[in-house]
Amino acid sequence: MQLGMIGLGRMGGNIVRRLQRAGHTCVVFDRDPAPGQALTAEGAVTVPSLADMVRALAAPRTIWVMLPAGAATEQAIAELKGLLSAGDIVIDGGNTNWKDDIRRAAELKSVGLSYVDVGTSGGVWGLERGYCLMIGGDAAVVQHLDPIFKALAPGKGDLLPTAQRETRDPRVEQGYLHAGANGAGHFVKMIHNGIEYGMMQAIAEGFDILKNANSPRLPEELRLDLETADIAEVWRRGSVITSWLLDLTSSALAADGDLAGFSGHVDDSGEGRWTVEAAIAEAVPAEVLTSALYTRFRSRQDHTFAEKVLSAMRHGFGGHVEPVKPASAKP
């Protein structure tokens, strides 16, 4: 299939690469010409504007927007609305609020365009590992796009099959899910990220306790000098808490047991906040997820070893870089 990609950042560029490896053709655009030039060398067609992208794609067109949630995505989709023709499809693969998906889908439908929201998980490792996809939109449109989603998904891999799934959607076992109508894809991804916050926080707090088992606050006879890098590594191998997040923690601790390269300043993407808002709206208790979100707020004021572990994990799976500290004001 042919696909247009708007936004060639950490994930957009690698999505294009994975699609091209699977035999799909891509027309790409980014305000920064550098990533487009790199992809041109790999077989993509780079265009200087969204209007040129629309002209370069054969109808019915499919254009994937991979930009930060908010103004950048809104502006791109608004421009596309005036350029595309009835029957064309717009995909938003970023971390958009699911309520915006419902509004956009209605706006685009009024001019004959289809809209699909795709929660995309995989971070900077998606090129090789594949992307877990959570998709919202009309069933017929999602089915039309199946070759794209199948190419991006990780596939079954070496995971054992789950019992009693014989009559369920086989796409799920490949790593992509049609979650429901517009908004469902990003809603499921939002909850995924909220859970991610809680899992990361539990791992981080556990390693903080391990790190402080030798604290001078403890009686000398009760102090333990523990090697956190080795503990993370042994837990990766057969323990109940084995996970990719633990893999990333082990890798970071093996490189530097003190995580001196991380300050402990941990940002939140917005989806953790939206998850808590959804829990409030539904009157669902979400103590762990809420606490994990608040800890990220506090991390910007005072840092613990736990926050360094959190920061190391975020850098590992998403390439997130801590913000540069502002220079101290001169007296």
C-alpha atoms as a PDB file:
ATOM      1  CA  MET A   1       0.000   0.000   0.000  1.00  0.00           C
ATOM      2  CA  GLN A   2       0.893   3.667  -0.277  1.00  0.00           C
ATOM      3  CA  LEU A   3       0.974   5.861   2.824  1.00  0.00           C
ATOM      4  CA  GLY A   4       1.721   9.496   3.597  1.00  0.00           C
ATOM      5  CA  MET A   5       3.509  10.201   6.900  1.00  0.00           C
ATOM      6  CA  ILE A   6       3.487  13.621   8.563  1.00  0.00           C
ATOM      7  CA  GLY A   7       6.053  13.879  11.364  1.00  0.00           C
ATOM      8  CA  LEU A   8       9.372  12.021  11.227  1.00  0.00           C
ATOM      9  CA  GLY A   9      10.432  12.130  14.858  1.00  0.00           C
ATOM     10  CA  ARG A  10      11.453   9.252  17.131  1.00  0.00           C
ATOM     11  CA  MET A  11       8.544   7.068  16.032  1.00  0.00           C
ATOM     12  CA  GLY A  12       7.301   8.496  12.728  1.00  0.00           C
ATOM     13  CA  GLY A  13      10.547   7.882  10.877  1.00  0.00           C
ATOM     14  CA  ASN A  14      10.858   4.314  12.117  1.00  0.00           C
ATOM     15  CA  ILE A  15       7.237   3.548  11.252  1.00  0.00           C
ATOM     16  CA  VAL A  16       8.088   4.567   7.685  1.00  0.00           C
ATOM     17  CA  ARG A  17      11.170   2.344   7.729  1.00  0.00           C
ATOM     18  CA  ARG A  18       9.261  -0.667   9.006  1.00  0.00           C
ATOM     19  CA  LEU A  19       6.552  -0.196   6.381  1.00  0.00           C
ATOM     20  CA  GLN A  20       9.100   0.113   3.587  1.00  0.00           C
ATOM     21  CA  ARG A  21      10.836  -3.050   4.754  1.00  0.00           C
ATOM     22  CA  ALA A  22       7.471  -4.789   4.322  1.00  0.00           C
ATOM     23  CA  GLY A  23       7.140  -3.517   0.747  1.00  0.00           C
ATOM     24  CA  HIS A  24       4.862  -0.504   1.281  1.00  0.00           C
ATOM     25  CA  THR A  25       5.674   2.872  -0.304  1.00  0.00           C
ATOM     26  CA  CYS A  26       5.750   6.082   1.721  1.00  0.00           C
ATOM     27  CA  VAL A  27       5.523   9.784   0.963  1.00  0.00           C
ATOM     28  CA  VAL A  28       6.878  11.780   3.901  1.00  0.00           C
ATOM     29  CA  PHE A  29       6.871  15.329   5.267  1.00  0.00           C
ATOM     30  CA  ASP A  30       8.472  17.049   8.236  1.00  0.00           C
ATOM     31  CA  ARG A  31       9.195  20.710   8.932  1.00  0.00           C
ATOM     32  CA  ASP A  32      12.808  19.697   9.559  1.00  0.00           C
ATOM     33  CA  PRO A  33      14.261  18.556   6.198  1.00  0.00           C
ATOM     34  CA  ALA A  34      16.982  16.347   7.737  1.00  0.00           C
ATOM     35  CA  PRO A  35      14.913  13.238   8.619  1.00  0.00           C
ATOM     36  CA  GLY A  36      13.169  13.405   5.251  1.00  0.00           C
ATOM     37  CA  GLN A  37      16.507  13.446   3.448  1.00  0.00           C
ATOM     38  CA  ALA A  38      17.610  10.356   5.390  1.00  0.00           C
ATOM     39  CA  LEU A  39      14.406   8.526   4.464  1.00  0.00           C
ATOM     40  CA  THR A  40      14.740   9.556   0.811  1.00  0.00           C
ATOM     41  CA  ALA A  41      18.021   7.665   0.752  1.00  0.00           C
ATOM     42  CA  GLU A  42      16.096   4.652   2.035  1.00  0.00           C
ATOM     43  CA  GLY A  43      13.417   4.806  -0.659  1.00  0.00           C
ATOM     44  CA  ALA A  44      10.801   7.245   0.622  1.00  0.00           C
ATOM     45  CA  VAL A  45       9.472  10.171  -1.396  1.00  0.00           C
ATOM     46  CA  THR A  46       9.982  13.436   0.494  1.00  0.00           C
ATOM     47  CA  VAL A  47       7.699  16.406  -0.202  1.00  0.00           C
ATOM     48  CA  PRO A  48       7.985  20.066   0.892  1.00  0.00           C
ATOM     49  CA  SER A  49       4.348  20.576   1.942  1.00  0.00           C
ATOM     50  CA  LEU A  50       1.100  18.810   2.777  1.00  0.00           C
ATOM     51  CA  ALA A  51      -0.373  19.976  -0.532  1.00  0.00           C
ATOM     52  CA  ASP A  52       2.510  18.280  -2.342  1.00  0.00           C
ATOM     53  CA  MET A  53       1.909  15.130  -0.293  1.00  0.00           C
ATOM     54  CA  VAL A  54      -1.732  15.013  -1.371  1.00  0.00           C
ATOM     55  CA  ARG A  55      -0.697  15.446  -5.014  1.00  0.00           C
ATOM     56  CA  ALA A  56       1.914  12.679  -4.711  1.00  0.00           C
ATOM     57  CA  LEU A  57      -0.508  10.103  -3.317  1.00  0.00           C
ATOM     58  CA  ALA A  58      -2.950   8.143  -5.455  1.00  0.00           C
ATOM     59  CA  ALA A  59      -6.624   8.270  -4.443  1.00  0.00           C
ATOM     60  CA  PRO A  60      -8.045   7.031  -2.191  1.00  0.00           C
ATOM     61  CA  ARG A  61      -5.251   8.416  -0.020  1.00  0.00           C
ATOM     62  CA  THR A  62      -4.171   7.400   3.470  1.00  0.00           C
ATOM     63  CA  ILE A  63      -2.183   9.903   5.536  1.00  0.00           C
ATOM     64  CA  TRP A  64      -0.782   9.133   8.987  1.00  0.00           C
ATOM     65  CA  VAL A  65      -0.184  12.080  11.328  1.00  0.00           C
ATOM     66  CA  MET A  66       2.554  11.395  13.912  1.00  0.00           C
ATOM     67  CA  LEU A  67       2.894  14.700  15.737  1.00  0.00           C
ATOM     68  CA  PRO A  68       2.677  15.821  19.372  1.00  0.00           C
ATOM     69  CA  ALA A  69      -0.879  15.915  20.726  1.00  0.00           C
ATOM     70  CA  GLY A  70      -2.502  19.320  20.707  1.00  0.00           C
ATOM     71  CA  ALA A  71      -1.928  22.275  18.423  1.00  0.00           C
ATOM     72  CA  ALA A  72       0.502  20.620  15.985  1.00  0.00           C
ATOM     73  CA  THR A  73      -1.846  17.717  15.289  1.00  0.00           C
ATOM     74  CA  GLU A  74      -4.930  19.953  15.149  1.00  0.00           C
ATOM     75  CA  GLN A  75      -3.289  22.236  12.595  1.00  0.00           C
ATOM     76  CA  ALA A  76      -2.126  19.357  10.389  1.00  0.00           C
ATOM     77  CA  ILE A  77      -5.544  17.693  10.348  1.00  0.00           C
ATOM     78  CA  ALA A  78      -7.316  21.004   9.711  1.00  0.00           C
ATOM     79  CA  GLU A  79      -5.051  21.608   6.710  1.00  0.00           C
ATOM     80  CA  LEU A  80      -5.608  18.091   5.417  1.00  0.00           C
ATOM     81  CA  LYS A  81      -9.361  18.556   5.668  1.00  0.00           C
ATOM     82  CA  GLY A  82      -9.130  21.305   3.058  1.00  0.00           C
ATOM     83  CA  LEU A  83      -6.812  19.325   0.763  1.00  0.00           C
ATOM     84  CA  LEU A  84      -8.138  15.765   0.712  1.00  0.00           C
ATOM     85  CA  SER A  85     -11.012  14.297  -1.296  1.00  0.00           C
ATOM     86  CA  ALA A  86     -13.989  12.193  -0.284  1.00  0.00           C
ATOM     87  CA  GLY A  87     -12.919   8.630   0.431  1.00  0.00           C
ATOM     88  CA  ASP A  88      -9.494   9.566   1.786  1.00  0.00           C
ATOM     89  CA  ILE A  89      -8.380   8.460   5.267  1.00  0.00           C
ATOM     90  CA  VAL A  90      -6.610  10.361   8.040  1.00  0.00           C
ATOM     91  CA  ILE A  91      -4.838   8.389  10.789  1.00  0.00           C
ATOM     92  CA  ASP A  92      -3.696   9.969  14.048  1.00  0.00           C
ATOM     93  CA  GLY A  93      -1.037   7.749  15.614  1.00  0.00           C
ATOM     94  CA  GLY A  94       0.097  10.168  18.325  1.00  0.00           C
ATOM     95  CA  ASN A  95      -0.992  10.449  21.956  1.00  0.00           C
ATOM     96  CA  THR A  96      -4.183  12.387  21.298  1.00  0.00           C
ATOM     97  CA  ASN A  97      -6.962  12.747  23.853  1.00  0.00           C
ATOM     98  CA  TRP A  98      -9.701  10.291  22.857  1.00  0.00           C
ATOM     99  CA  LYS A  99     -12.395  12.972  23.136  1.00  0.00           C
ATOM    100  CA  ASP A 100     -10.629  14.943  20.386  1.00  0.00           C
ATOM    101  CA  ASP A 101     -10.834  11.834  18.184  1.00  0.00           C
ATOM    102  CA  ILE A 102     -14.614  11.743  18.444  1.00  0.00           C
ATOM    103  CA  ARG A 103     -14.873  15.411  17.501  1.00  0.00           C
ATOM    104  CA  ARG A 104     -12.419  15.130  14.605  1.00  0.00           C
ATOM    105  CA  ALA A 105     -14.063  12.000  13.211  1.00  0.00           C
ATOM    106  CA  ALA A 106     -17.395  13.833  13.007  1.00  0.00           C
ATOM    107  CA  GLU A 107     -15.800  16.905  11.414  1.00  0.00           C
ATOM    108  CA  LEU A 108     -14.002  14.863   8.753  1.00  0.00           C
ATOM    109  CA  LYS A 109     -17.028  12.654   8.080  1.00  0.00           C
ATOM    110  CA  SER A 110     -18.989  15.790   7.180  1.00  0.00           C
ATOM    111  CA  VAL A 111     -16.728  16.227   4.123  1.00  0.00           C
ATOM    112  CA  GLY A 112     -16.537  12.528   3.221  1.00  0.00           C
ATOM    113  CA  LEU A 113     -13.240  11.723   4.950  1.00  0.00           C
ATOM    114  CA  SER A 114     -12.584   8.798   7.282  1.00  0.00           C
ATOM    115  CA  TYR A 115     -10.651   9.120  10.528  1.00  0.00           C
ATOM    116  CA  VAL A 116      -8.804   6.399  12.433  1.00  0.00           C
ATOM    117  CA  ASP A 117      -7.134   6.823  15.826  1.00  0.00           C
ATOM    118  CA  VAL A 118      -4.218   4.505  16.542  1.00  0.00           C
ATOM    119  CA  GLY A 119      -2.656   4.239  19.976  1.00  0.00           C
ATOM    120  CA  THR A 120       0.918   3.263  19.173  1.00  0.00           C
ATOM    121  CA  SER A 121       3.224   1.636  21.704  1.00  0.00           C
ATOM    122  CA  GLY A 122       6.784   0.581  20.989  1.00  0.00           C
ATOM    123  CA  GLY A 123       8.881   3.684  21.438  1.00  0.00           C
ATOM    124  CA  VAL A 124      12.309   3.877  19.857  1.00  0.00           C
ATOM    125  CA  TRP A 125      12.494   0.063  19.684  1.00  0.00           C
ATOM    126  CA  GLY A 126       9.461  -0.304  17.418  1.00  0.00           C
ATOM    127  CA  LEU A 127      11.479  -0.556  14.213  1.00  0.00           C
ATOM    128  CA  GLU A 128      12.924  -3.894  15.263  1.00  0.00           C
ATOM    129  CA  ARG A 129      10.370  -5.132  17.821  1.00  0.00           C
ATOM    130  CA  GLY A 130       7.231  -3.907  16.098  1.00  0.00           C
ATOM    131  CA  TYR A 131       4.487  -1.662  17.434  1.00  0.00           C
ATOM    132  CA  CYS A 132       1.554  -2.692  19.613  1.00  0.00           C
ATOM    133  CA  LEU A 133      -1.416  -0.954  17.996  1.00  0.00           C
ATOM    134  CA  MET A 134      -4.787  -0.047  19.528  1.00  0.00           C
ATOM    135  CA  ILE A 135      -7.137   1.138  16.785  1.00  0.00           C
ATOM    136  CA  GLY A 136     -10.393   3.092  16.802  1.00  0.00           C
ATOM    137  CA  GLY A 137     -12.584   3.686  13.759  1.00  0.00           C
ATOM    138  CA  ASP A 138     -15.079   2.255  11.318  1.00  0.00           C
ATOM    139  CA  ALA A 139     -14.613  -1.498  10.905  1.00  0.00           C
ATOM    140  CA  ALA A 140     -14.546  -1.377   7.100  1.00  0.00           C
ATOM    141  CA  VAL A 141     -11.911   1.354   7.066  1.00  0.00           C
ATOM    142  CA  VAL A 142      -9.775  -0.488   9.624  1.00  0.00           C
ATOM    143  CA  GLN A 143     -10.021  -3.652   7.534  1.00  0.00           C
ATOM    144  CA  HIS A 144      -8.926  -1.710   4.436  1.00  0.00           C
ATOM    145  CA  LEU A 145      -5.827  -0.592   6.349  1.00  0.00           C
ATOM    146  CA  ASP A 146      -5.033  -4.079   7.634  1.00  0.00           C
ATOM    147  CA  PRO A 147      -1.862  -4.509   5.491  1.00  0.00           C
ATOM    148  CA  ILE A 148      -0.421  -1.372   7.131  1.00  0.00           C
ATOM    149  CA  PHE A 149      -1.245  -2.454  10.658  1.00  0.00           C
ATOM    150  CA  LYS A 150      -0.062  -6.031  10.084  1.00  0.00           C
ATOM    151  CA  ALA A 151       3.301  -4.782   8.812  1.00  0.00           C
ATOM    152  CA  LEU A 152       3.794  -2.534  11.845  1.00  0.00           C
ATOM    153  CA  ALA A 153       2.680  -5.041  14.493  1.00  0.00           C
ATOM    154  CA  PRO A 154       5.246  -7.332  16.142  1.00  0.00           C
ATOM    155  CA  GLY A 155       3.553 -10.612  15.164  1.00  0.00           C
ATOM    156  CA  LYS A 156       3.111 -13.643  17.406  1.00  0.00           C
ATOM    157  CA  GLY A 157       6.805 -13.938  18.208  1.00  0.00           C
ATOM    158  CA  ASP A 158       7.714 -16.668  20.674  1.00  0.00           C
ATOM    159  CA  LEU A 159       4.885 -16.045  23.145  1.00  0.00           C
ATOM    160  CA  LEU A 160       2.860 -19.114  24.009  1.00  0.00           C
ATOM    161  CA  PRO A 161      -0.758 -18.938  22.783  1.00  0.00           C
ATOM    162  CA  THR A 162      -3.429 -18.086  25.336  1.00  0.00           C
ATOM    163  CA  ALA A 163      -5.884 -20.893  25.981  1.00  0.00           C
ATOM    164  CA  GLN A 164      -9.500 -20.580  24.796  1.00  0.00           C
ATOM    165  CA  ARG A 165      -8.818 -17.793  22.285  1.00  0.00           C
ATOM    166  CA  GLU A 166      -9.725 -19.909  19.269  1.00  0.00           C
ATOM    167  CA  THR A 167     -12.905 -17.975  18.427  1.00  0.00           C
ATOM    168  CA  ARG A 168     -11.512 -14.492  19.136  1.00  0.00           C
ATOM    169  CA  ASP A 169     -10.031 -11.907  16.748  1.00  0.00           C
ATOM    170  CA  PRO A 170      -6.725 -13.393  15.483  1.00  0.00           C
ATOM    171  CA  ARG A 171      -5.268  -9.930  14.859  1.00  0.00           C
ATOM    172  CA  VAL A 172      -4.868  -9.454  18.598  1.00  0.00           C
ATOM    173  CA  GLU A 173      -2.329 -12.288  18.769  1.00  0.00           C
ATOM    174  CA  GLN A 174      -0.323 -10.457  16.103  1.00  0.00           C
ATOM    175  CA  GLY A 175      -0.130  -7.365  18.307  1.00  0.00           C
ATOM    176  CA  TYR A 176      -2.866  -5.109  16.924  1.00  0.00           C
ATOM    177  CA  LEU A 177      -6.458  -4.588  18.022  1.00  0.00           C
ATOM    178  CA  HIS A 178      -9.516  -2.916  16.540  1.00  0.00           C
ATOM    179  CA  ALA A 179     -10.711  -1.627  19.912  1.00  0.00           C
ATOM    180  CA  GLY A 180     -13.968  -0.069  18.714  1.00  0.00           C
ATOM    181  CA  ALA A 181     -15.388   3.155  17.325  1.00  0.00           C
ATOM    182  CA  ASN A 182     -13.456   6.408  16.986  1.00  0.00           C
ATOM    183  CA  GLY A 183     -11.813   7.300  20.283  1.00  0.00           C
ATOM    184  CA  ALA A 184     -11.515   3.692  21.446  1.00  0.00           C
ATOM    185  CA  GLY A 185      -7.960   3.297  20.167  1.00  0.00           C
ATOM    186  CA  HIS A 186      -6.588   6.274  22.031  1.00  0.00           C
ATOM    187  CA  PHE A 187      -8.726   5.516  25.098  1.00  0.00           C
ATOM    188  CA  VAL A 188      -7.171   2.039  25.383  1.00  0.00           C
ATOM    189  CA  LYS A 189      -3.684   3.509  24.812  1.00  0.00           C
ATOM    190  CA  MET A 190      -4.386   6.134  27.482  1.00  0.00           C
ATOM    191  CA  ILE A 191      -5.185   3.452  30.050  1.00  0.00           C
ATOM    192  CA  HIS A 192      -2.123   1.496  28.879  1.00  0.00           C
ATOM    193  CA  ASN A 193       0.052   4.508  29.680  1.00  0.00           C
ATOM    194  CA  GLY A 194      -1.660   5.019  33.019  1.00  0.00           C
ATOM    195  CA  ILE A 195      -0.862   1.407  33.938  1.00  0.00           C
ATOM    196  CA  GLU A 196       2.679   1.967  32.678  1.00  0.00           C
ATOM    197  CA  TYR A 197       3.044   4.812  35.176  1.00  0.00           C
ATOM    198  CA  GLY A 198       2.002   2.498  38.023  1.00  0.00           C
ATOM    199  CA  MET A 199       4.271  -0.360  36.955  1.00  0.00           C
ATOM    200  CA  MET A 200       7.243   1.940  36.544  1.00  0.00           C
ATOM    201  CA  GLN A 201       6.588   3.516  39.932  1.00  0.00           C
ATOM    202  CA  ALA A 202       6.440   0.115  41.662  1.00  0.00           C
ATOM    203  CA  ILE A 203       9.751  -0.960  40.108  1.00  0.00           C
ATOM    204  CA  ALA A 204      11.364   2.377  40.927  1.00  0.00           C
ATOM    205  CA  GLU A 205      10.242   2.366  44.562  1.00  0.00           C
ATOM    206  CA  GLY A 206      11.401  -1.224  45.010  1.00  0.00           C
ATOM    207  CA  PHE A 207      14.886  -0.375  43.803  1.00  0.00           C
ATOM    208  CA  ASP A 208      14.944   2.705  46.014  1.00  0.00           C
ATOM    209  CA  ILE A 209      14.350   0.446  49.042  1.00  0.00           C
ATOM    210  CA  LEU A 210      17.066  -1.940  47.858  1.00  0.00           C
ATOM    211  CA  LYS A 211      19.485   0.944  47.319  1.00  0.00           C
ATOM    212  CA  ASN A 212      18.843   2.267  50.832  1.00  0.00           C
ATOM    213  CA  ALA A 213      19.158  -1.089  52.581  1.00  0.00           C
ATOM    214  CA  ASN A 214      22.660   0.087  53.557  1.00  0.00           C
ATOM    215  CA  SER A 215      21.465   3.481  54.797  1.00  0.00           C
ATOM    216  CA  PRO A 216      23.175   5.041  57.832  1.00  0.00           C
ATOM    217  CA  ARG A 217      19.660   5.608  59.157  1.00  0.00           C
ATOM    218  CA  LEU A 218      19.531   1.877  59.938  1.00  0.00           C
ATOM    219  CA  PRO A 219      21.246   0.136  62.847  1.00  0.00           C
ATOM    220  CA  GLU A 220      24.611  -1.098  61.602  1.00  0.00           C
ATOM    221  CA  GLU A 221      23.777  -4.750  62.245  1.00  0.00           C
ATOM    222  CA  LEU A 222      20.683  -4.492  60.020  1.00  0.00           C
ATOM    223  CA  ARG A 223      22.370  -2.909  57.008  1.00  0.00           C
ATOM    224  CA  LEU A 224      22.647  -4.849  53.757  1.00  0.00           C
ATOM    225  CA  ASP A 225      25.018  -3.963  50.925  1.00  0.00           C
ATOM    226  CA  LEU A 226      23.035  -5.062  47.861  1.00  0.00           C
ATOM    227  CA  GLU A 227      24.034  -5.007  44.192  1.00  0.00           C
ATOM    228  CA  THR A 228      20.957  -3.593  42.469  1.00  0.00           C
ATOM    229  CA  ALA A 229      22.231  -4.302  38.947  1.00  0.00           C
ATOM    230  CA  ASP A 230      22.517  -8.019  39.739  1.00  0.00           C
ATOM    231  CA  ILE A 231      19.134  -8.088  41.455  1.00  0.00           C
ATOM    232  CA  ALA A 232      17.495  -6.544  38.381  1.00  0.00           C
ATOM    233  CA  GLU A 233      19.245  -9.086  36.172  1.00  0.00           C
ATOM    234  CA  VAL A 234      18.212 -12.122  38.202  1.00  0.00           C
ATOM    235  CA  TRP A 235      14.599 -10.902  38.386  1.00  0.00           C
ATOM    236  CA  ARG A 236      14.538 -10.746  34.578  1.00  0.00           C
ATOM    237  CA  ARG A 237      15.046 -14.492  34.447  1.00  0.00           C
ATOM    238  CA  GLY A 238      11.931 -16.393  35.433  1.00  0.00           C
ATOM    239  CA  SER A 239      10.559 -14.141  38.175  1.00  0.00           C
ATOM    240  CA  VAL A 240       6.904 -13.137  38.355  1.00  0.00           C
ATOM    241  CA  ILE A 241       7.771  -9.483  37.657  1.00  0.00           C
ATOM    242  CA  THR A 242       9.756 -10.168  34.482  1.00  0.00           C
ATOM    243  CA  SER A 243       8.961  -7.392  31.971  1.00  0.00           C
ATOM    244  CA  TRP A 244      10.456  -5.099  29.361  1.00  0.00           C
ATOM    245  CA  LEU A 245      10.520  -2.334  31.960  1.00  0.00           C
ATOM    246  CA  LEU A 246      12.648  -4.557  34.180  1.00  0.00           C
ATOM    247  CA  ASP A 247      14.909  -5.292  31.189  1.00  0.00           C
ATOM    248  CA  LEU A 248      15.457  -1.555  30.725  1.00  0.00           C
ATOM    249  CA  THR A 249      16.105  -1.075  34.437  1.00  0.00           C
ATOM    250  CA  SER A 250      18.672  -3.876  34.441  1.00  0.00           C
ATOM    251  CA  SER A 251      20.455  -2.374  31.441  1.00  0.00           C
ATOM    252  CA  ALA A 252      20.611   1.085  33.029  1.00  0.00           C
ATOM    253  CA  LEU A 253      21.874  -0.221  36.378  1.00  0.00           C
ATOM    254  CA  ALA A 254      24.498  -2.411  34.711  1.00  0.00           C
ATOM    255  CA  ALA A 255      25.885   0.692  33.005  1.00  0.00           C
ATOM    256  CA  ASP A 256      25.861   2.774  36.199  1.00  0.00           C
ATOM    257  CA  GLY A 257      24.589   1.485  39.525  1.00  0.00           C
ATOM    258  CA  ASP A 258      24.121   5.031  40.838  1.00  0.00           C
ATOM    259  CA  LEU A 259      22.364   6.298  37.689  1.00  0.00           C
ATOM    260  CA  ALA A 260      24.464   9.422  37.961  1.00  0.00           C
ATOM    261  CA  GLY A 261      23.502  10.463  34.439  1.00  0.00           C
ATOM    262  CA  PHE A 262      19.871  10.905  35.462  1.00  0.00           C
ATOM    263  CA  SER A 263      18.633  13.728  37.683  1.00  0.00           C
ATOM    264  CA  GLY A 264      15.305  12.118  38.532  1.00  0.00           C
ATOM    265  CA  HIS A 265      13.217  14.809  36.804  1.00  0.00           C
ATOM    266  CA  VAL A 266      10.328  12.838  35.289  1.00  0.00           C
ATOM    267  CA  ASP A 267       7.822  14.442  32.898  1.00  0.00           C
ATOM    268  CA  ASP A 268       4.345  13.087  32.164  1.00  0.00           C
ATOM    269  CA  SER A 269       2.962  12.790  28.646  1.00  0.00           C
ATOM    270  CA  GLY A 270      -0.571  13.880  29.542  1.00  0.00           C
ATOM    271  CA  GLU A 271      -2.099  10.433  29.222  1.00  0.00           C
ATOM    272  CA  GLY A 272      -1.513   9.691  32.895  1.00  0.00           C
ATOM    273  CA  ARG A 273      -3.567  12.777  33.745  1.00  0.00           C
ATOM    274  CA  TRP A 274      -6.307  11.771  31.313  1.00  0.00           C
ATOM    275  CA  THR A 275      -6.399   8.286  32.828  1.00  0.00           C
ATOM    276  CA  VAL A 276      -7.008   9.760  36.282  1.00  0.00           C
ATOM    277  CA  GLU A 277      -9.665  12.076  34.838  1.00  0.00           C
ATOM    278  CA  ALA A 278     -11.409   9.054  33.271  1.00  0.00           C
ATOM    279  CA  ALA A 279     -11.278   7.217  36.599  1.00  0.00           C
ATOM    280  CA  ILE A 280     -12.878  10.216  38.325  1.00  0.00           C
ATOM    281  CA  ALA A 281     -15.599  10.470  35.653  1.00  0.00           C
ATOM    282  CA  GLU A 282     -16.356   6.751  36.022  1.00  0.00           C
ATOM    283  CA  ALA A 283     -16.068   6.823  39.844  1.00  0.00           C
ATOM    284  CA  VAL A 284     -13.449   4.077  39.631  1.00  0.00           C
ATOM    285  CA  PRO A 285     -10.820   4.028  42.412  1.00  0.00           C
ATOM    286  CA  ALA A 286      -7.325   4.261  40.903  1.00  0.00           C
ATOM    287  CA  GLU A 287      -5.054   4.849  43.888  1.00  0.00           C
ATOM    288  CA  VAL A 288      -1.863   3.417  42.358  1.00  0.00           C
ATOM    289  CA  LEU A 289      -2.154   5.242  39.042  1.00  0.00           C
ATOM    290  CA  THR A 290      -3.038   8.530  40.724  1.00  0.00           C
ATOM    291  CA  SER A 291      -0.151   8.223  43.170  1.00  0.00           C
ATOM    292  CA  ALA A 292       2.265   7.460  40.326  1.00  0.00           C
ATOM    293  CA  LEU A 293       1.141  10.596  38.490  1.00  0.00           C
ATOM    294  CA  TYR A 294       1.586  12.764  41.574  1.00  0.00           C
ATOM    295  CA  THR A 295       5.054  11.341  42.131  1.00  0.00           C
ATOM    296  CA  ARG A 296       6.038  12.613  38.696  1.00  0.00           C
ATOM    297  CA  PHE A 297       4.868  16.073  39.695  1.00  0.00           C
ATOM    298  CA  ARG A 298       6.945  15.911  42.882  1.00  0.00           C
ATOM    299  CA  SER A 299      10.003  14.638  40.985  1.00  0.00           C
ATOM    300  CA  ARG A 300      10.383  18.065  39.424  1.00  0.00           C
ATOM    301  CA  GLN A 301      11.022  19.571  42.832  1.00  0.00           C
ATOM    302  CA  ASP A 302      12.942  16.926  44.802  1.00  0.00           C
ATOM    303  CA  HIS A 303      14.646  13.807  43.458  1.00  0.00           C
ATOM    304  CA  THR A 304      15.158  10.316  44.878  1.00  0.00           C
ATOM    305  CA  PHE A 305      16.900   7.249  43.477  1.00  0.00           C
ATOM    306  CA  ALA A 306      13.431   5.975  42.520  1.00  0.00           C
ATOM    307  CA  GLU A 307      12.973   8.918  40.173  1.00  0.00           C
ATOM    308  CA  LYS A 308      16.353   8.239  38.590  1.00  0.00           C
ATOM    309  CA  VAL A 309      15.161   4.688  37.895  1.00  0.00           C
ATOM    310  CA  LEU A 310      11.960   6.093  36.360  1.00  0.00           C
ATOM    311  CA  SER A 311      13.959   8.478  34.198  1.00  0.00           C
ATOM    312  CA  ALA A 312      16.270   5.667  33.081  1.00  0.00           C
ATOM    313  CA  MET A 313      13.293   3.517  32.024  1.00  0.00           C
ATOM    314  CA  ARG A 314      11.706   6.380  30.063  1.00  0.00           C
ATOM    315  CA  HIS A 315      14.991   6.984  28.265  1.00  0.00           C
ATOM    316  CA  GLY A 316      15.259   3.267  27.535  1.00  0.00           C
ATOM    317  CA  PHE A 317      11.888   2.699  25.902  1.00  0.00           C
ATOM    318  CA  GLY A 318      11.083   6.112  24.486  1.00  0.00           C
ATOM    319  CA  GLY A 319      14.353   7.967  24.104  1.00  0.00           C
ATOM    320  CA  HIS A 320      12.996  10.628  26.467  1.00  0.00           C
ATOM    321  CA  VAL A 321      15.715  13.090  27.462  1.00  0.00           C
ATOM    322  CA  GLU A 322      15.536  15.025  30.699  1.00  0.00           C
ATOM    323  CA  PRO A 323      14.966  18.777  30.256  1.00  0.00           C
ATOM    324  CA  VAL A 324      18.014  20.975  30.415  1.00  0.00           C
ATOM    325  CA  LYS A 325      18.281  22.730  33.754  1.00  0.00           C
ATOM    326  CA  PRO A 326      18.016  26.536  33.407  1.00  0.00           C
ATOM    327  CA  ALA A 327      21.186  28.418  34.202  1.00  0.00           C
ATOM    328  CA  SER A 328      21.232  29.917  37.671  1.00  0.00           C
ATOM    329  CA  ALA A 329      20.201  33.542  37.701  1.00  0.00           C
ATOM    330  CA  LYS A 330      23.028  35.929  38.405  1.00  0.00           C
ATOM    331  CA  PRO A 331      22.662  38.012  41.582  1.00  0.00           C
END
